[in-house]
PDB file of N, CA and C in Angstrom:
ATOM      1  N   MET A   1      66.468 107.872  49.967  1.00  0.00           N
ATOM      2  CA  MET A   1      66.548 106.909  51.048  1.00  0.00           C
ATOM      3  C   MET A   1      65.148 106.668  51.598  1.00  0.00           C
ATOM      4  N   LYS A   2      64.780 105.430  51.651  1.00  0.00           N
ATOM      5  CA  LYS A   2      63.495 105.053  52.234  1.00  0.00           C
ATOM      6  C   LYS A   2      63.658 104.938  53.752  1.00  0.00           C
ATOM      7  N   MET A   3      62.729 105.529  54.493  1.00  0.00           N
ATOM      8  CA  MET A   3      62.792 105.476  55.953  1.00  0.00           C
ATOM      9  C   MET A   3      61.942 104.305  56.443  1.00  0.00           C
ATOM     10  N   THR A   4      62.581 103.150  56.587  1.00  0.00           N
ATOM     11  CA  THR A   4      61.893 101.965  57.077  1.00  0.00           C
ATOM     12  C   THR A   4      61.647 102.121  58.578  1.00  0.00           C
ATOM     13  N   SER A   5      60.803 101.275  59.117  1.00  0.00           N
ATOM     14  CA  SER A   5      60.531 101.344  60.560  1.00  0.00           C
ATOM     15  C   SER A   5      61.790 101.020  61.367  1.00  0.00           C
ATOM     16  N   GLN A   6      62.596 100.083  60.882  1.00  0.00           N
ATOM     17  CA  GLN A   6      63.843  99.748  61.574  1.00  0.00           C
ATOM     18  C   GLN A   6      64.805 100.926  61.543  1.00  0.00           C
ATOM     19  N   ARG A   7      64.953 101.532  60.380  1.00  0.00           N
ATOM     20  CA  ARG A   7      65.854 102.678  60.227  1.00  0.00           C
ATOM     21  C   ARG A   7      65.393 103.831  61.112  1.00  0.00           C
ATOM     22  N   GLN A   8      64.087 104.061  61.156  1.00  0.00           N
ATOM     23  CA  GLN A   8      63.542 105.144  61.973  1.00  0.00           C
ATOM     24  C   GLN A   8      63.802 104.894  63.453  1.00  0.00           C
ATOM     25  N   GLU A   9      63.658 103.653  63.889  1.00  0.00           N
ATOM     26  CA  GLU A   9      63.897 103.311  65.300  1.00  0.00           C
ATOM     27  C   GLU A   9      65.369 103.501  65.657  1.00  0.00           C
ATOM     28  N   ILE A  10      66.256 103.117  64.768  1.00  0.00           N
ATOM     29  CA  ILE A  10      67.697 103.301  64.981  1.00  0.00           C
ATOM     30  C   ILE A  10      68.019 104.790  65.062  1.00  0.00           C
ATOM     31  N   LEU A  11      67.491 105.569  64.137  1.00  0.00           N
ATOM     32  CA  LEU A  11      67.708 107.014  64.137  1.00  0.00           C
ATOM     33  C   LEU A  11      67.158 107.650  65.407  1.00  0.00           C
ATOM     34  N   ASN A  12      65.956 107.264  65.794  1.00  0.00           N
ATOM     35  CA  ASN A  12      65.354 107.806  67.016  1.00  0.00           C
ATOM     36  C   ASN A  12      66.240 107.540  68.227  1.00  0.00           C
ATOM     37  N   TYR A  13      66.768 106.341  68.320  1.00  0.00           N
ATOM     38  CA  TYR A  13      67.620 106.007  69.465  1.00  0.00           C
ATOM     39  C   TYR A  13      68.894 106.852  69.459  1.00  0.00           C
ATOM     40  N   VAL A  14      69.601 106.897  68.331  1.00  0.00           N
ATOM     41  CA  VAL A  14      70.867 107.632  68.277  1.00  0.00           C
ATOM     42  C   VAL A  14      70.643 109.113  68.573  1.00  0.00           C
ATOM     43  N   LYS A  15      69.541 109.675  68.119  1.00  0.00           N
ATOM     44  CA  LYS A  15      69.249 111.083  68.373  1.00  0.00           C
ATOM     45  C   LYS A  15      68.791 111.341  69.815  1.00  0.00           C
ATOM     46  N   SER A  16      68.308 110.310  70.489  1.00  0.00           N
ATOM     47  CA  SER A  16      67.735 110.497  71.831  1.00  0.00           C
ATOM     48  C   SER A  16      68.755 110.427  72.963  1.00  0.00           C
ATOM     49  N   VAL A  17      69.953 109.955  72.674  1.00  0.00           N
ATOM     50  CA  VAL A  17      70.941 109.758  73.743  1.00  0.00           C
ATOM     51  C   VAL A  17      72.058 110.797  73.650  1.00  0.00           C
ATOM     52  N   LYS A  18      72.620 111.124  74.809  1.00  0.00           N
ATOM     53  CA  LYS A  18      73.740 112.064  74.861  1.00  0.00           C
ATOM     54  C   LYS A  18      75.085 111.344  74.773  1.00  0.00           C
ATOM     55  N   CYS A  19      75.070 110.023  75.035  1.00  0.00           N
ATOM     56  CA  CYS A  19      76.301 109.250  74.898  1.00  0.00           C
ATOM     57  C   CYS A  19      76.569 109.058  73.400  1.00  0.00           C
ATOM     58  N   HIS A  20      77.619 108.437  73.070  1.00  0.00           N
ATOM     59  CA  HIS A  20      77.982 108.200  71.682  1.00  0.00           C
ATOM     60  C   HIS A  20      78.055 106.679  71.481  1.00  0.00           C
ATOM     61  N   PRO A  21      76.907 106.062  71.193  1.00  0.00           N
ATOM     62  CA  PRO A  21      76.848 104.593  71.186  1.00  0.00           C
ATOM     63  C   PRO A  21      77.595 103.963  70.018  1.00  0.00           C
ATOM     64  N   THR A  22      78.043 102.743  70.258  1.00  0.00           N
ATOM     65  CA  THR A  22      78.591 101.911  69.191  1.00  0.00           C
ATOM     66  C   THR A  22      77.417 101.206  68.511  1.00  0.00           C
ATOM     67  N   ALA A  23      77.680 100.546  67.412  1.00  0.00           N
ATOM     68  CA  ALA A  23      76.630  99.782  66.731  1.00  0.00           C
ATOM     69  C   ALA A  23      76.069  98.716  67.672  1.00  0.00           C
ATOM     70  N   GLU A  24      76.933  98.108  68.479  1.00  0.00           N
ATOM     71  CA  GLU A  24      76.485  97.080  69.407  1.00  0.00           C
ATOM     72  C   GLU A  24      75.550  97.664  70.471  1.00  0.00           C
ATOM     73  N   ASN A  25      75.871  98.875  70.956  1.00  0.00           N
ATOM     74  CA  ASN A  25      74.985  99.553  71.915  1.00  0.00           C
ATOM     75  C   ASN A  25      73.630  99.843  71.281  1.00  0.00           C
ATOM     76  N   VAL A  26      73.654 100.334  70.052  1.00  0.00           N
ATOM     77  CA  VAL A  26      72.412 100.640  69.339  1.00  0.00           C
ATOM     78  C   VAL A  26      71.588  99.369  69.188  1.00  0.00           C
ATOM     79  N   TYR A  27      72.235  98.293  68.785  1.00  0.00           N
ATOM     80  CA  TYR A  27      71.561  97.004  68.612  1.00  0.00           C
ATOM     81  C   TYR A  27      70.885  96.558  69.912  1.00  0.00           C
ATOM     82  N   THR A  28      71.614  96.622  71.019  1.00  0.00           N
ATOM     83  CA  THR A  28      71.075  96.194  72.313  1.00  0.00           C
ATOM     84  C   THR A  28      69.825  96.985  72.679  1.00  0.00           C
ATOM     85  N   GLU A  29      69.854  98.294  72.463  1.00  0.00           N
ATOM     86  CA  GLU A  29      68.720  99.141  72.849  1.00  0.00           C
ATOM     87  C   GLU A  29      67.549  99.031  71.877  1.00  0.00           C
ATOM     88  N   VAL A  30      67.834  99.026  70.592  1.00  0.00           N
ATOM     89  CA  VAL A  30      66.758  98.954  69.596  1.00  0.00           C
ATOM     90  C   VAL A  30      66.078  97.589  69.645  1.00  0.00           C
ATOM     91  N   ARG A  31      66.828  96.565  69.982  1.00  0.00           N
ATOM     92  CA  ARG A  31      66.281  95.209  70.065  1.00  0.00           C
ATOM     93  C   ARG A  31      65.197  95.089  71.142  1.00  0.00           C
ATOM     94  N   LYS A  32      65.208  95.986  72.111  1.00  0.00           N
ATOM     95  CA  LYS A  32      64.169  95.991  73.146  1.00  0.00           C
ATOM     96  C   LYS A  32      62.805  96.333  72.550  1.00  0.00           C
ATOM     97  N   LYS A  33      62.793  97.078  71.464  1.00  0.00           N
ATOM     98  CA  LYS A  33      61.543  97.442  70.784  1.00  0.00           C
ATOM     99  C   LYS A  33      61.291  96.581  69.552  1.00  0.00           C
ATOM    100  N   LEU A  34      62.371  96.232  68.864  1.00  0.00           N
ATOM    101  CA  LEU A  34      62.267  95.421  67.648  1.00  0.00           C
ATOM    102  C   LEU A  34      63.049  94.127  67.868  1.00  0.00           C
ATOM    103  N   SER A  35      62.415  93.161  68.487  1.00  0.00           N
ATOM    104  CA  SER A  35      63.114  91.956  68.932  1.00  0.00           C
ATOM    105  C   SER A  35      63.717  91.130  67.796  1.00  0.00           C
ATOM    106  N   ARG A  36      63.230  91.311  66.582  1.00  0.00           N
ATOM    107  CA  ARG A  36      63.721  90.492  65.469  1.00  0.00           C
ATOM    108  C   ARG A  36      64.833  91.166  64.664  1.00  0.00           C
ATOM    109  N   ILE A  37      65.233  92.363  65.061  1.00  0.00           N
ATOM    110  CA  ILE A  37      66.282  93.071  64.316  1.00  0.00           C
ATOM    111  C   ILE A  37      67.625  92.387  64.539  1.00  0.00           C
ATOM    112  N   SER A  38      68.459  92.352  63.491  1.00  0.00           N
ATOM    113  CA  SER A  38      69.776  91.716  63.605  1.00  0.00           C
ATOM    114  C   SER A  38      70.859  92.774  63.720  1.00  0.00           C
ATOM    115  N   LEU A  39      72.009  92.367  64.222  1.00  0.00           N
ATOM    116  CA  LEU A  39      73.141  93.270  64.337  1.00  0.00           C
ATOM    117  C   LEU A  39      73.573  93.757  62.960  1.00  0.00           C
ATOM    118  N   GLY A  40      73.527  92.891  61.974  1.00  0.00           N
ATOM    119  CA  GLY A  40      73.879  93.274  60.605  1.00  0.00           C
ATOM    120  C   GLY A  40      72.964  94.367  60.071  1.00  0.00           C
ATOM    121  N   THR A  41      71.678  94.273  60.380  1.00  0.00           N
ATOM    122  CA  THR A  41      70.717  95.294  59.958  1.00  0.00           C
ATOM    123  C   THR A  41      71.050  96.630  60.611  1.00  0.00           C
ATOM    124  N   VAL A  42      71.431  96.601  61.869  1.00  0.00           N
ATOM    125  CA  VAL A  42      71.807  97.833  62.572  1.00  0.00           C
ATOM    126  C   VAL A  42      73.033  98.442  61.907  1.00  0.00           C
ATOM    127  N   TYR A  43      74.053  97.644  61.642  1.00  0.00           N
ATOM    128  CA  TYR A  43      75.259  98.146  60.977  1.00  0.00           C
ATOM    129  C   TYR A  43      74.916  98.780  59.629  1.00  0.00           C
ATOM    130  N   ARG A  44      74.140  98.083  58.823  1.00  0.00           N
ATOM    131  CA  ARG A  44      73.796  98.593  57.486  1.00  0.00           C
ATOM    132  C   ARG A  44      73.015  99.897  57.573  1.00  0.00           C
ATOM    133  N   ASN A  45      72.066  99.961  58.501  1.00  0.00           N
ATOM    134  CA  ASN A  45      71.248 101.165  58.623  1.00  0.00           C
ATOM    135  C   ASN A  45      72.029 102.335  59.201  1.00  0.00           C
ATOM    136  N   LEU A  46      72.930 102.092  60.117  1.00  0.00           N
ATOM    137  CA  LEU A  46      73.779 103.169  60.614  1.00  0.00           C
ATOM    138  C   LEU A  46      74.608 103.762  59.474  1.00  0.00           C
ATOM    139  N   GLU A  47      75.094 102.918  58.601  1.00  0.00           N
ATOM    140  CA  GLU A  47      75.875 103.392  57.450  1.00  0.00           C
ATOM    141  C   GLU A  47      75.009 104.229  56.504  1.00  0.00           C
ATOM    142  N   VAL A  48      73.794 103.789  56.246  1.00  0.00           N
ATOM    143  CA  VAL A  48      72.873 104.545  55.387  1.00  0.00           C
ATOM    144  C   VAL A  48      72.554 105.898  56.019  1.00  0.00           C
ATOM    145  N   LEU A  49      72.278 105.904  57.312  1.00  0.00           N
ATOM    146  CA  LEU A  49      71.971 107.150  58.008  1.00  0.00           C
ATOM    147  C   LEU A  49      73.171 108.099  57.990  1.00  0.00           C
ATOM    148  N   ARG A  50      74.364 107.553  58.148  1.00  0.00           N
ATOM    149  CA  ARG A  50      75.579 108.375  58.103  1.00  0.00           C
ATOM    150  C   ARG A  50      75.782 108.957  56.705  1.00  0.00           C
ATOM    151  N   LYS A  51      75.659 108.120  55.697  1.00  0.00           N
ATOM    152  CA  LYS A  51      75.859 108.579  54.311  1.00  0.00           C
ATOM    153  C   LYS A  51      74.852 109.644  53.912  1.00  0.00           C
ATOM    154  N   ASN A  52      73.677 109.602  54.510  1.00  0.00           N
ATOM    155  CA  ASN A  52      72.640 110.583  54.198  1.00  0.00           C
ATOM    156  C   ASN A  52      72.674 111.799  55.128  1.00  0.00           C
ATOM    157  N   GLY A  53      73.707 111.881  55.966  1.00  0.00           N
ATOM    158  CA  GLY A  53      73.912 113.049  56.809  1.00  0.00           C
ATOM    159  C   GLY A  53      72.961 113.182  57.977  1.00  0.00           C
ATOM    160  N   LEU A  54      72.348 112.079  58.403  1.00  0.00           N
ATOM    161  CA  LEU A  54      71.403 112.124  59.516  1.00  0.00           C
ATOM    162  C   LEU A  54      72.052 111.841  60.865  1.00  0.00           C
ATOM    163  N   ILE A  55      73.229 111.237  60.845  1.00  0.00           N
ATOM    164  CA  ILE A  55      74.006 110.993  62.056  1.00  0.00           C
ATOM    165  C   ILE A  55      75.480 111.190  61.725  1.00  0.00           C
ATOM    166  N   LEU A  56      76.289 111.355  62.760  1.00  0.00           N
ATOM    167  CA  LEU A  56      77.736 111.478  62.599  1.00  0.00           C
ATOM    168  C   LEU A  56      78.409 110.184  63.036  1.00  0.00           C
ATOM    169  N   GLU A  57      79.555 109.920  62.472  1.00  0.00           N
ATOM    170  CA  GLU A  57      80.373 108.775  62.853  1.00  0.00           C
ATOM    171  C   GLU A  57      81.630 109.299  63.526  1.00  0.00           C
ATOM    172  N   ILE A  58      81.978 108.734  64.664  1.00  0.00           N
ATOM    173  CA  ILE A  58      83.185 109.119  65.402  1.00  0.00           C
ATOM    174  C   ILE A  58      84.070 107.890  65.505  1.00  0.00           C
ATOM    175  N   ASN A  59      85.239 107.950  64.903  1.00  0.00           N
ATOM    176  CA  ASN A  59      86.156 106.818  64.936  1.00  0.00           C
ATOM    177  C   ASN A  59      87.203 107.025  66.013  1.00  0.00           C
ATOM    178  N   THR A  60      87.330 106.034  66.879  1.00  0.00           N
ATOM    179  CA  THR A  60      88.366 106.051  67.904  1.00  0.00           C
ATOM    180  C   THR A  60      89.317 104.895  67.628  1.00  0.00           C
ATOM    181  N   ALA A  61      90.357 104.792  68.406  1.00  0.00           N
ATOM    182  CA  ALA A  61      91.318 103.701  68.222  1.00  0.00           C
ATOM    183  C   ALA A  61      90.661 102.344  68.454  1.00  0.00           C
ATOM    184  N   GLU A  62      89.651 102.308  69.314  1.00  0.00           N
ATOM    185  CA  GLU A  62      89.016 101.046  69.685  1.00  0.00           C
ATOM    186  C   GLU A  62      87.792 100.694  68.847  1.00  0.00           C
ATOM    187  N   LYS A  63      86.878 101.658  68.673  1.00  0.00           N
ATOM    188  CA  LYS A  63      85.594 101.363  68.039  1.00  0.00           C
ATOM    189  C   LYS A  63      85.076 102.567  67.286  1.00  0.00           C
ATOM    190  N   THR A  64      84.028 102.332  66.522  1.00  0.00           N
ATOM    191  CA  THR A  64      83.302 103.404  65.855  1.00  0.00           C
ATOM    192  C   THR A  64      82.071 103.721  66.687  1.00  0.00           C
ATOM    193  N   HIS A  65      81.829 104.998  66.908  1.00  0.00           N
ATOM    194  CA  HIS A  65      80.683 105.477  67.679  1.00  0.00           C
ATOM    195  C   HIS A  65      79.826 106.354  66.784  1.00  0.00           C
ATOM    196  N   PHE A  66      78.608 106.622  67.217  1.00  0.00           N
ATOM    197  CA  PHE A  66      77.679 107.423  66.426  1.00  0.00           C
ATOM    198  C   PHE A  66      77.113 108.541  67.274  1.00  0.00           C
ATOM    199  N   ASP A  67      76.756 109.632  66.607  1.00  0.00           N
ATOM    200  CA  ASP A  67      76.260 110.825  67.272  1.00  0.00           C
ATOM    201  C   ASP A  67      75.065 111.355  66.496  1.00  0.00           C
ATOM    202  N   GLY A  68      73.955 111.527  67.173  1.00  0.00           N
ATOM    203  CA  GLY A  68      72.754 112.056  66.532  1.00  0.00           C
ATOM    204  C   GLY A  68      72.646 113.563  66.606  1.00  0.00           C
ATOM    205  N   ASP A  69      73.591 114.211  67.276  1.00  0.00           N
ATOM    206  CA  ASP A  69      73.584 115.666  67.409  1.00  0.00           C
ATOM    207  C   ASP A  69      74.312 116.271  66.220  1.00  0.00           C
ATOM    208  N   LEU A  70      73.562 116.900  65.334  1.00  0.00           N
ATOM    209  CA  LEU A  70      74.147 117.467  64.120  1.00  0.00           C
ATOM    210  C   LEU A  70      74.499 118.942  64.254  1.00  0.00           C
ATOM    211  N   THR A  71      74.323 119.496  65.452  1.00  0.00           N
ATOM    212  CA  THR A  71      74.721 120.882  65.642  1.00  0.00           C
ATOM    213  C   THR A  71      76.242 120.973  65.572  1.00  0.00           C
ATOM    214  N   GLU A  72      76.742 122.166  65.298  1.00  0.00           N
ATOM    215  CA  GLU A  72      78.183 122.339  65.190  1.00  0.00           C
ATOM    216  C   GLU A  72      78.838 122.116  66.553  1.00  0.00           C
ATOM    217  N   HIS A  73      79.621 121.072  66.646  1.00  0.00           N
ATOM    218  CA  HIS A  73      80.373 120.776  67.858  1.00  0.00           C
ATOM    219  C   HIS A  73      81.507 119.823  67.525  1.00  0.00           C
ATOM    220  N   HIS A  74      82.399 119.661  68.482  1.00  0.00           N
ATOM    221  CA  HIS A  74      83.578 118.815  68.314  1.00  0.00           C
ATOM    222  C   HIS A  74      83.574 117.771  69.425  1.00  0.00           C
ATOM    223  N   HIS A  75      84.587 116.927  69.444  1.00  0.00           N
ATOM    224  CA  HIS A  75      84.635 115.858  70.434  1.00  0.00           C
ATOM    225  C   HIS A  75      85.999 115.778  71.110  1.00  0.00           C
ATOM    226  N   PHE A  76      85.974 115.389  72.379  1.00  0.00           N
ATOM    227  CA  PHE A  76      87.180 115.035  73.113  1.00  0.00           C
ATOM    228  C   PHE A  76      87.100 113.541  73.363  1.00  0.00           C
ATOM    229  N   ILE A  77      88.169 112.826  73.031  1.00  0.00           N
ATOM    230  CA  ILE A  77      88.215 111.376  73.217  1.00  0.00           C
ATOM    231  C   ILE A  77      89.359 111.051  74.167  1.00  0.00           C
ATOM    232  N   CYS A  78      89.022 110.413  75.286  1.00  0.00           N
ATOM    233  CA  CYS A  78      90.044 110.040  76.268  1.00  0.00           C
ATOM    234  C   CYS A  78      90.833 108.835  75.752  1.00  0.00           C
ATOM    235  N   ASN A  79      92.150 108.977  75.744  1.00  0.00           N
ATOM    236  CA  ASN A  79      93.021 107.902  75.256  1.00  0.00           C
ATOM    237  C   ASN A  79      93.066 106.704  76.197  1.00  0.00           C
ATOM    238  N   ARG A  80      92.689 106.887  77.456  1.00  0.00           N
ATOM    239  CA  ARG A  80      92.768 105.793  78.420  1.00  0.00           C
ATOM    240  C   ARG A  80      91.434 105.055  78.552  1.00  0.00           C
ATOM    241  N   CYS A  81      90.365 105.777  78.883  1.00  0.00           N
ATOM    242  CA  CYS A  81      89.079 105.107  79.149  1.00  0.00           C
ATOM    243  C   CYS A  81      88.144 105.091  77.939  1.00  0.00           C
ATOM    244  N   GLY A  82      88.452 105.866  76.920  1.00  0.00           N
ATOM    245  CA  GLY A  82      87.634 105.873  75.709  1.00  0.00           C
ATOM    246  C   GLY A  82      86.413 106.771  75.763  1.00  0.00           C
ATOM    247  N   LYS A  83      86.235 107.485  76.856  1.00  0.00           N
ATOM    248  CA  LYS A  83      85.086 108.382  76.998  1.00  0.00           C
ATOM    249  C   LYS A  83      85.105 109.429  75.889  1.00  0.00           C
ATOM    250  N   ILE A  84      83.917 109.717  75.349  1.00  0.00           N
ATOM    251  CA  ILE A  84      83.769 110.745  74.327  1.00  0.00           C
ATOM    252  C   ILE A  84      82.893 111.847  74.903  1.00  0.00           C
ATOM    253  N   MET A  85      83.391 113.071  74.822  1.00  0.00           N
ATOM    254  CA  MET A  85      82.649 114.223  75.326  1.00  0.00           C
ATOM    255  C   MET A  85      82.379 115.194  74.180  1.00  0.00           C
ATOM    256  N   ASP A  86      81.185 115.788  74.188  1.00  0.00           N
ATOM    257  CA  ASP A  86      80.878 116.853  73.242  1.00  0.00           C
ATOM    258  C   ASP A  86      81.556 118.129  73.703  1.00  0.00           C
ATOM    259  N   LEU A  87      82.162 118.835  72.771  1.00  0.00           N
ATOM    260  CA  LEU A  87      82.762 120.135  73.035  1.00  0.00           C
ATOM    261  C   LEU A  87      81.983 121.161  72.222  1.00  0.00           C
ATOM    262  N   MET A  88      81.218 121.978  72.898  1.00  0.00           N
ATOM    263  CA  MET A  88      80.347 122.946  72.237  1.00  0.00           C
ATOM    264  C   MET A  88      81.088 124.272  72.056  1.00  0.00           C
ATOM    265  N   VAL A  89      82.119 124.232  71.240  1.00  0.00           N
ATOM    266  CA  VAL A  89      82.915 125.426  70.948  1.00  0.00           C
ATOM    267  C   VAL A  89      82.996 125.608  69.435  1.00  0.00           C
ATOM    268  N   ARG A  90      83.165 126.846  69.030  1.00  0.00           N
ATOM    269  CA  ARG A  90      83.327 127.150  67.611  1.00  0.00           C
ATOM    270  C   ARG A  90      84.818 127.305  67.306  1.00  0.00           C
ATOM    271  N   LEU A  91      85.206 126.801  66.154  1.00  0.00           N
ATOM    272  CA  LEU A  91      86.579 127.011  65.723  1.00  0.00           C
ATOM    273  C   LEU A  91      86.722 128.456  65.252  1.00  0.00           C
ATOM    274  N   PRO A  92      87.824 129.111  65.587  1.00  0.00           N
ATOM    275  CA  PRO A  92      88.029 130.483  65.114  1.00  0.00           C
ATOM    276  C   PRO A  92      88.127 130.515  63.584  1.00  0.00           C
ATOM    277  N   GLN A  93      87.574 131.544  62.983  1.00  0.00           N
ATOM    278  CA  GLN A  93      87.634 131.693  61.521  1.00  0.00           C
ATOM    279  C   GLN A  93      89.083 131.677  61.046  1.00  0.00           C
ATOM    280  N   LYS A  94      89.994 132.181  61.894  1.00  0.00           N
ATOM    281  CA  LYS A  94      91.416 132.195  61.538  1.00  0.00           C
ATOM    282  C   LYS A  94      91.934 130.777  61.303  1.00  0.00           C
ATOM    283  N   PHE A  95      91.486 129.834  62.118  1.00  0.00           N
ATOM    284  CA  PHE A  95      91.897 128.428  61.965  1.00  0.00           C
ATOM    285  C   PHE A  95      91.458 127.899  60.607  1.00  0.00           C
ATOM    286  N   ILE A  96      90.186 128.127  60.282  1.00  0.00           N
ATOM    287  CA  ILE A  96      89.660 127.657  58.994  1.00  0.00           C
ATOM    288  C   ILE A  96      90.368 128.381  57.857  1.00  0.00           C
ATOM    289  N   GLY A  97      90.628 129.678  58.037  1.00  0.00           N
ATOM    290  CA  GLY A  97      91.359 130.441  57.027  1.00  0.00           C
ATOM    291  C   GLY A  97      92.761 129.908  56.805  1.00  0.00           C
ATOM    292  N   ASN A  98      93.425 129.487  57.888  1.00  0.00           N
ATOM    293  CA  ASN A  98      94.769 128.907  57.763  1.00  0.00           C
ATOM    294  C   ASN A  98      94.744 127.612  56.963  1.00  0.00           C
ATOM    295  N   VAL A  99      93.717 126.797  57.187  1.00  0.00           N
ATOM    296  CA  VAL A  99      93.600 125.543  56.439  1.00  0.00           C
ATOM    297  C   VAL A  99      93.370 125.854  54.964  1.00  0.00           C
ATOM    298  N   LYS A 100      92.458 126.765  54.683  1.00  0.00           N
ATOM    299  CA  LYS A 100      92.188 127.154  53.288  1.00  0.00           C
ATOM    300  C   LYS A 100      93.449 127.695  52.629  1.00  0.00           C
ATOM    301  N   GLY A 101      94.213 128.508  53.380  1.00  0.00           N
ATOM    302  CA  GLY A 101      95.429 129.091  52.832  1.00  0.00           C
ATOM    303  C   GLY A 101      96.518 128.067  52.570  1.00  0.00           C
ATOM    304  N   SER A 102      96.549 127.025  53.358  1.00  0.00           N
ATOM    305  CA  SER A 102      97.570 125.988  53.207  1.00  0.00           C
ATOM    306  C   SER A 102      97.256 124.991  52.103  1.00  0.00           C
ATOM    307  N   TYR A 103      95.984 124.875  51.757  1.00  0.00           N
ATOM    308  CA  TYR A 103      95.559 123.911  50.744  1.00  0.00           C
ATOM    309  C   TYR A 103      94.703 124.643  49.724  1.00  0.00           C
ATOM    310  N   LYS A 104      95.332 125.182  48.715  1.00  0.00           N
ATOM    311  CA  LYS A 104      94.650 125.997  47.705  1.00  0.00           C
ATOM    312  C   LYS A 104      93.540 125.200  47.020  1.00  0.00           C
ATOM    313  N   GLY A 105      92.458 125.897  46.727  1.00  0.00           N
ATOM    314  CA  GLY A 105      91.356 125.297  45.991  1.00  0.00           C
ATOM    315  C   GLY A 105      90.291 124.649  46.856  1.00  0.00           C
ATOM    316  N   LEU A 106      90.518 124.587  48.177  1.00  0.00           N
ATOM    317  CA  LEU A 106      89.517 123.972  49.049  1.00  0.00           C
ATOM    318  C   LEU A 106      88.374 124.937  49.315  1.00  0.00           C
ATOM    319  N   GLU A 107      87.183 124.405  49.332  1.00  0.00           N
ATOM    320  CA  GLU A 107      86.008 125.144  49.776  1.00  0.00           C
ATOM    321  C   GLU A 107      85.491 124.419  51.009  1.00  0.00           C
ATOM    322  N   ILE A 108      85.669 125.006  52.173  1.00  0.00           N
ATOM    323  CA  ILE A 108      85.315 124.349  53.434  1.00  0.00           C
ATOM    324  C   ILE A 108      83.940 124.830  53.878  1.00  0.00           C
ATOM    325  N   ASP A 109      83.020 123.890  54.035  1.00  0.00           N
ATOM    326  CA  ASP A 109      81.668 124.210  54.520  1.00  0.00           C
ATOM    327  C   ASP A 109      81.606 124.189  56.040  1.00  0.00           C
ATOM    328  N   ASN A 110      82.233 123.197  56.634  1.00  0.00           N
ATOM    329  CA  ASN A 110      82.263 123.080  58.083  1.00  0.00           C
ATOM    330  C   ASN A 110      83.434 122.195  58.481  1.00  0.00           C
ATOM    331  N   ALA A 111      83.707 122.156  59.763  1.00  0.00           N
ATOM    332  CA  ALA A 111      84.818 121.345  60.264  1.00  0.00           C
ATOM    333  C   ALA A 111      84.404 120.690  61.571  1.00  0.00           C
ATOM    334  N   VAL A 112      84.811 119.447  61.736  1.00  0.00           N
ATOM    335  CA  VAL A 112      84.605 118.724  62.993  1.00  0.00           C
ATOM    336  C   VAL A 112      85.978 118.230  63.427  1.00  0.00           C
ATOM    337  N   VAL A 113      86.347 118.590  64.645  1.00  0.00           N
ATOM    338  CA  VAL A 113      87.671 118.253  65.148  1.00  0.00           C
ATOM    339  C   VAL A 113      87.523 117.313  66.340  1.00  0.00           C
ATOM    340  N   ASN A 114      88.353 116.280  66.368  1.00  0.00           N
ATOM    341  CA  ASN A 114      88.431 115.396  67.524  1.00  0.00           C
ATOM    342  C   ASN A 114      89.701 115.729  68.282  1.00  0.00           C
ATOM    343  N   PHE A 115      89.547 116.013  69.571  1.00  0.00           N
ATOM    344  CA  PHE A 115      90.676 116.263  70.452  1.00  0.00           C
ATOM    345  C   PHE A 115      90.923 114.978  71.244  1.00  0.00           C
ATOM    346  N   ASN A 116      92.178 114.600  71.385  1.00  0.00           N
ATOM    347  CA  ASN A 116      92.536 113.395  72.129  1.00  0.00           C
ATOM    348  C   ASN A 116      93.429 113.756  73.307  1.00  0.00           C
ATOM    349  N   GLY A 117      93.322 112.989  74.376  1.00  0.00           N
ATOM    350  CA  GLY A 117      94.124 113.201  75.565  1.00  0.00           C
ATOM    351  C   GLY A 117      93.561 112.384  76.707  1.00  0.00           C
ATOM    352  N   LEU A 118      93.682 112.897  77.924  1.00  0.00           N
ATOM    353  CA  LEU A 118      93.147 112.217  79.095  1.00  0.00           C
ATOM    354  C   LEU A 118      92.023 113.054  79.688  1.00  0.00           C
ATOM    355  N   CYS A 119      90.919 112.389  80.001  1.00  0.00           N
ATOM    356  CA  CYS A 119      89.799 113.074  80.643  1.00  0.00           C
ATOM    357  C   CYS A 119      90.179 113.437  82.076  1.00  0.00           C
ATOM    358  N   GLU A 120      89.356 114.210  82.725  1.00  0.00           N
ATOM    359  CA  GLU A 120      89.643 114.677  84.093  1.00  0.00           C
ATOM    360  C   GLU A 120      89.852 113.503  85.047  1.00  0.00           C
ATOM    361  N   LYS A 121      89.031 112.473  84.921  1.00  0.00           N
ATOM    362  CA  LYS A 121      89.134 111.304  85.802  1.00  0.00           C
ATOM    363  C   LYS A 121      90.445 110.553  85.589  1.00  0.00           C
ATOM    364  N   CYS A 122      90.799 110.330  84.324  1.00  0.00           N
ATOM    365  CA  CYS A 122      92.029 109.565  84.021  1.00  0.00           C
ATOM    366  C   CYS A 122      93.287 110.382  84.289  1.00  0.00           C
ATOM    367  N   ALA A 123      93.214 111.689  84.132  1.00  0.00           N
ATOM    368  CA  ALA A 123      94.383 112.547  84.360  1.00  0.00           C
ATOM    369  C   ALA A 123      94.669 112.720  85.854  1.00  0.00           C
ATOM    370  N   GLY A 124      93.609 112.571  86.673  1.00  0.00           N
ATOM    371  CA  GLY A 124      93.775 112.810  88.121  1.00  0.00           C
ATOM    372  C   GLY A 124      94.179 111.597  88.815  1.00  0.00           C
TER     373      GLY A 124
END
């Protein structure tokens, strides 16, 4: 993968924020530095970065979001407001062992789990 200046700027932005931006959010912010970049270019580069393991993709019922934090963590997605929160917890080895035991032949390197429900604000 060639790291073009546009791709690098997109990667820098996604890695610099704690929110989980959509492609449209990335486009709006990156366009402030690269005024000639198109939304299509942002979409294509986000896909390249995802395929090369440099960013994560989070799919919700409404939109696709991106995450530049590659450390082991999971996500909570609010079903009402769409807020995405990082959950910095480790899955118990027993959980991964149960999955391996239920599906013979799998070799699991890591797991990312999305939890869905209502955030504190929407639940209250």
